[in-house]
N, C-alpha and C. Protein backbone atom coordinates (compact mmCIF):
# COMPACT_ATOMS: atom_id res chain seq x y z
N MET A 1 99.95 -177.97 -180.63
CA MET A 1 100.26 -177.84 -179.12
C MET A 1 98.61 -177.58 -179.18
N ARG A 2 98.37 -177.69 -177.99
CA ARG A 2 97.33 -177.91 -177.19
C ARG A 2 96.66 -176.71 -176.50
N ILE A 3 95.19 -175.92 -176.63
CA ILE A 3 94.69 -175.59 -175.70
C ILE A 3 93.57 -175.39 -175.70
N ARG A 4 93.32 -175.58 -173.70
CA ARG A 4 92.06 -175.73 -173.47
C ARG A 4 91.30 -174.77 -172.83
N TRP A 5 90.08 -174.39 -173.09
CA TRP A 5 88.97 -172.90 -172.83
C TRP A 5 88.67 -172.78 -171.62
N GLY A 6 88.67 -174.15 -171.07
CA GLY A 6 87.19 -174.06 -170.28
C GLY A 6 85.96 -173.91 -170.19
N ASN A 7 85.14 -173.82 -169.61
CA ASN A 7 84.18 -173.34 -169.49
C ASN A 7 83.39 -171.85 -169.70
N ILE A 8 82.62 -171.73 -170.48
CA ILE A 8 81.94 -169.82 -170.92
C ILE A 8 80.61 -170.01 -170.54
N LYS A 9 81.62 -168.49 -169.57
CA LYS A 9 79.75 -169.38 -168.99
C LYS A 9 79.38 -167.44 -169.21
N VAL A 10 77.94 -166.99 -169.35
CA VAL A 10 76.79 -166.21 -170.01
C VAL A 10 75.70 -166.81 -168.59
N LYS A 11 75.40 -165.94 -168.24
CA LYS A 11 74.09 -165.53 -167.81
C LYS A 11 73.02 -166.14 -169.08
N PRO A 12 71.79 -166.67 -168.29
CA PRO A 12 71.09 -167.35 -169.39
C PRO A 12 69.49 -165.88 -169.35
N GLN A 13 70.35 -164.98 -168.79
CA GLN A 13 68.91 -163.92 -169.49
C GLN A 13 69.01 -163.81 -170.73
N TYR A 14 69.45 -164.18 -171.69
CA TYR A 14 70.39 -163.18 -172.78
C TYR A 14 69.87 -164.44 -174.44
N ASP A 15 68.66 -164.05 -175.52
CA ASP A 15 68.12 -164.85 -175.79
C ASP A 15 68.75 -165.66 -177.24
N GLU A 16 70.29 -164.96 -177.24
CA GLU A 16 71.41 -165.88 -177.88
C GLU A 16 72.90 -165.24 -177.76
N VAL A 17 73.75 -166.33 -177.76
CA VAL A 17 75.98 -166.10 -177.46
C VAL A 17 75.06 -166.06 -179.36
N ILE A 18 75.58 -164.31 -179.96
CA ILE A 18 75.68 -164.76 -181.47
C ILE A 18 78.24 -164.40 -181.30
N ASP A 19 78.94 -164.11 -181.03
CA ASP A 19 79.91 -164.18 -180.59
C ASP A 19 80.36 -164.27 -179.65
N PHE A 20 82.06 -164.84 -179.14
CA PHE A 20 82.97 -164.47 -178.23
C PHE A 20 84.04 -164.45 -178.55
N ASN A 21 85.12 -164.07 -177.66
CA ASN A 21 86.90 -163.93 -177.58
C ASN A 21 86.72 -164.00 -176.78
N ILE A 22 88.25 -165.10 -176.45
CA ILE A 22 89.19 -165.64 -175.26
C ILE A 22 90.12 -165.09 -175.12
N GLU A 23 90.60 -164.27 -174.24
CA GLU A 23 92.21 -163.97 -174.93
C GLU A 23 92.71 -166.08 -173.93
N PRO A 24 94.32 -166.52 -174.85
CA PRO A 24 94.61 -167.11 -174.63
C PRO A 24 95.16 -167.55 -173.12
N LEU A 25 94.98 -169.06 -172.58
CA LEU A 25 95.21 -169.25 -171.09
C LEU A 25 96.42 -168.82 -171.03
N GLN A 26 97.09 -167.90 -170.09
CA GLN A 26 98.40 -167.92 -169.75
C GLN A 26 98.89 -168.06 -168.21
N PHE A 27 99.93 -169.02 -168.36
CA PHE A 27 100.39 -169.43 -167.12
C PHE A 27 98.98 -170.83 -166.53
N ALA A 28 98.48 -171.18 -167.31
CA ALA A 28 97.37 -172.03 -166.20
C ALA A 28 96.40 -171.01 -165.59
N LYS A 29 96.11 -170.17 -165.53
CA LYS A 29 95.35 -169.01 -164.70
C LYS A 29 93.87 -168.33 -165.94
N THR A 30 92.66 -168.55 -165.13
CA THR A 30 91.53 -168.22 -165.91
C THR A 30 91.73 -167.39 -167.05
N PRO A 31 91.78 -167.09 -168.62
CA PRO A 31 91.84 -165.71 -169.27
C PRO A 31 91.68 -164.34 -168.75
N PRO A 32 92.15 -163.30 -168.53
CA PRO A 32 92.27 -162.41 -168.20
C PRO A 32 90.96 -161.16 -168.44
N HIS A 33 90.97 -161.89 -169.80
CA HIS A 33 89.55 -160.76 -170.45
C HIS A 33 89.02 -162.17 -171.37
N SER A 34 87.56 -161.86 -170.91
CA SER A 34 87.10 -162.49 -171.94
C SER A 34 85.72 -162.10 -172.54
N TYR A 35 85.09 -161.60 -173.36
CA TYR A 35 83.66 -160.84 -173.89
C TYR A 35 83.11 -161.88 -175.25
N TYR A 36 81.55 -161.00 -175.16
CA TYR A 36 80.54 -161.95 -175.44
C TYR A 36 79.66 -160.91 -176.33
N TYR A 37 79.40 -161.86 -176.77
CA TYR A 37 78.75 -160.45 -178.40
C TYR A 37 76.52 -161.38 -177.43
N VAL A 38 76.20 -160.73 -177.41
CA VAL A 38 74.87 -161.42 -177.07
C VAL A 38 74.36 -160.71 -177.53
N ARG A 39 72.04 -161.25 -176.93
CA ARG A 39 71.72 -160.51 -178.36
C ARG A 39 70.07 -160.72 -177.03
N LYS A 40 69.53 -160.31 -176.76
CA LYS A 40 68.34 -159.85 -176.01
C LYS A 40 67.21 -159.25 -176.90
N ASP A 41 66.40 -160.21 -177.02
CA ASP A 41 64.93 -159.41 -178.07
C ASP A 41 66.12 -158.87 -179.55
N LYS A 42 65.82 -157.52 -179.61
CA LYS A 42 66.62 -156.99 -180.85
C LYS A 42 67.64 -156.18 -180.64
N GLU A 43 67.53 -156.46 -179.79
CA GLU A 43 69.56 -155.68 -179.15
C GLU A 43 70.39 -156.24 -179.00
N ILE A 44 71.87 -155.73 -179.42
CA ILE A 44 73.00 -156.29 -179.15
C ILE A 44 74.19 -156.13 -178.15
N PHE A 45 74.77 -156.45 -177.27
CA PHE A 45 75.13 -156.35 -176.06
C PHE A 45 76.87 -156.47 -176.54
N LEU A 46 77.46 -156.16 -175.80
CA LEU A 46 78.71 -156.17 -175.72
C LEU A 46 79.08 -156.76 -173.45
N ILE A 47 79.64 -157.87 -173.71
CA ILE A 47 79.38 -158.36 -172.04
C ILE A 47 80.91 -158.58 -172.14
N ASP A 48 81.44 -159.42 -170.04
CA ASP A 48 82.28 -160.12 -170.28
C ASP A 48 82.23 -160.97 -169.12
N ALA A 49 83.06 -161.97 -168.54
CA ALA A 49 81.95 -162.26 -168.32
C ALA A 49 81.42 -162.27 -166.53
N ASN A 50 81.81 -160.88 -166.48
CA ASN A 50 80.83 -161.05 -164.93
C ASN A 50 80.09 -159.78 -165.55
N ASN A 51 79.17 -160.11 -166.63
CA ASN A 51 78.33 -158.91 -167.37
C ASN A 51 78.18 -157.81 -167.07
N ASN A 52 79.54 -157.04 -167.31
CA ASN A 52 79.97 -156.49 -167.19
C ASN A 52 79.33 -155.39 -168.57
N SER A 53 78.28 -154.31 -168.92
CA SER A 53 78.43 -154.77 -169.93
C SER A 53 79.38 -153.17 -170.42
N TYR A 54 79.78 -153.22 -172.27
CA TYR A 54 81.35 -152.41 -173.09
C TYR A 54 80.36 -151.08 -174.25
N PHE A 55 80.92 -150.42 -174.29
CA PHE A 55 80.04 -149.41 -175.24
C PHE A 55 78.96 -148.77 -175.56
N GLU A 56 78.58 -148.59 -174.42
CA GLU A 56 76.99 -148.44 -174.24
C GLU A 56 76.28 -147.47 -174.68
N GLU A 57 77.52 -146.40 -175.60
CA GLU A 57 77.59 -145.51 -176.19
C GLU A 57 76.38 -145.23 -178.06
N TYR A 58 77.55 -147.07 -177.61
CA TYR A 58 77.31 -147.66 -179.69
C TYR A 58 76.12 -148.88 -179.93
N ASP A 59 75.43 -148.43 -181.54
CA ASP A 59 74.57 -149.91 -181.56
C ASP A 59 75.73 -150.72 -182.35
N PHE A 60 75.15 -151.46 -181.87
CA PHE A 60 75.68 -152.84 -182.45
C PHE A 60 74.59 -153.97 -183.32
N ILE A 61 75.20 -154.17 -184.27
CA ILE A 61 74.20 -155.02 -185.15
C ILE A 61 74.75 -155.84 -186.58
N LYS A 62 73.71 -156.88 -186.51
CA LYS A 62 74.40 -158.19 -187.40
C LYS A 62 75.30 -158.09 -188.12
N SER A 63 75.66 -158.05 -189.34
CA SER A 63 76.79 -157.37 -190.20
C SER A 63 76.27 -158.66 -191.50
N PRO A 64 75.48 -157.33 -192.78
CA PRO A 64 74.86 -158.78 -193.53
C PRO A 64 76.05 -159.36 -194.35
N TYR A 65 77.10 -158.91 -194.09
CA TYR A 65 78.38 -159.32 -194.87
C TYR A 65 79.48 -160.91 -193.92
N ASN A 66 78.59 -161.47 -192.97
CA ASN A 66 79.32 -162.05 -192.11
C ASN A 66 78.34 -162.63 -191.15
N GLU A 67 77.33 -164.22 -190.87
CA GLU A 67 77.57 -164.48 -190.50
C GLU A 67 77.28 -164.07 -188.71
N ARG A 68 78.07 -164.48 -188.38
CA ARG A 68 79.04 -163.86 -187.09
C ARG A 68 79.52 -162.78 -186.55
N GLY A 69 79.78 -162.27 -186.99
CA GLY A 69 80.23 -160.51 -187.65
C GLY A 69 79.02 -159.73 -186.91
N ILE A 70 78.96 -158.28 -186.27
CA ILE A 70 79.02 -157.35 -186.08
C ILE A 70 79.87 -156.17 -185.97
N LEU A 71 78.72 -154.45 -185.83
CA LEU A 71 79.05 -153.77 -186.90
C LEU A 71 78.54 -152.80 -185.72
N MET A 72 79.17 -151.47 -184.99
CA MET A 72 79.51 -150.55 -184.45
C MET A 72 78.85 -149.51 -185.48
N LYS A 73 77.79 -148.62 -184.43
CA LYS A 73 77.69 -147.09 -185.17
C LYS A 73 77.75 -146.33 -184.20
N LYS A 74 77.93 -145.03 -183.50
CA LYS A 74 77.47 -144.38 -182.20
C LYS A 74 75.81 -144.21 -182.72
N ASN A 75 75.53 -143.93 -181.77
CA ASN A 75 74.08 -143.73 -181.42
C ASN A 75 73.76 -142.54 -181.07
């Protein structure tokens, strides 16, 4: 089975895209949920394709165990 993902869209205001999650295509439509872990300066955010931020009450940090892993802690 071959899956085509299309283009990942993140506004160029961040220093790095650390990781992302895209739900599989459904019936040849745009994926309903796409989330990105992005970094600006020393702060990490979870955003969607429309640049909406999620879980703002948490701090995100890079995992010391996995290069692309992210850990959350309540701030």
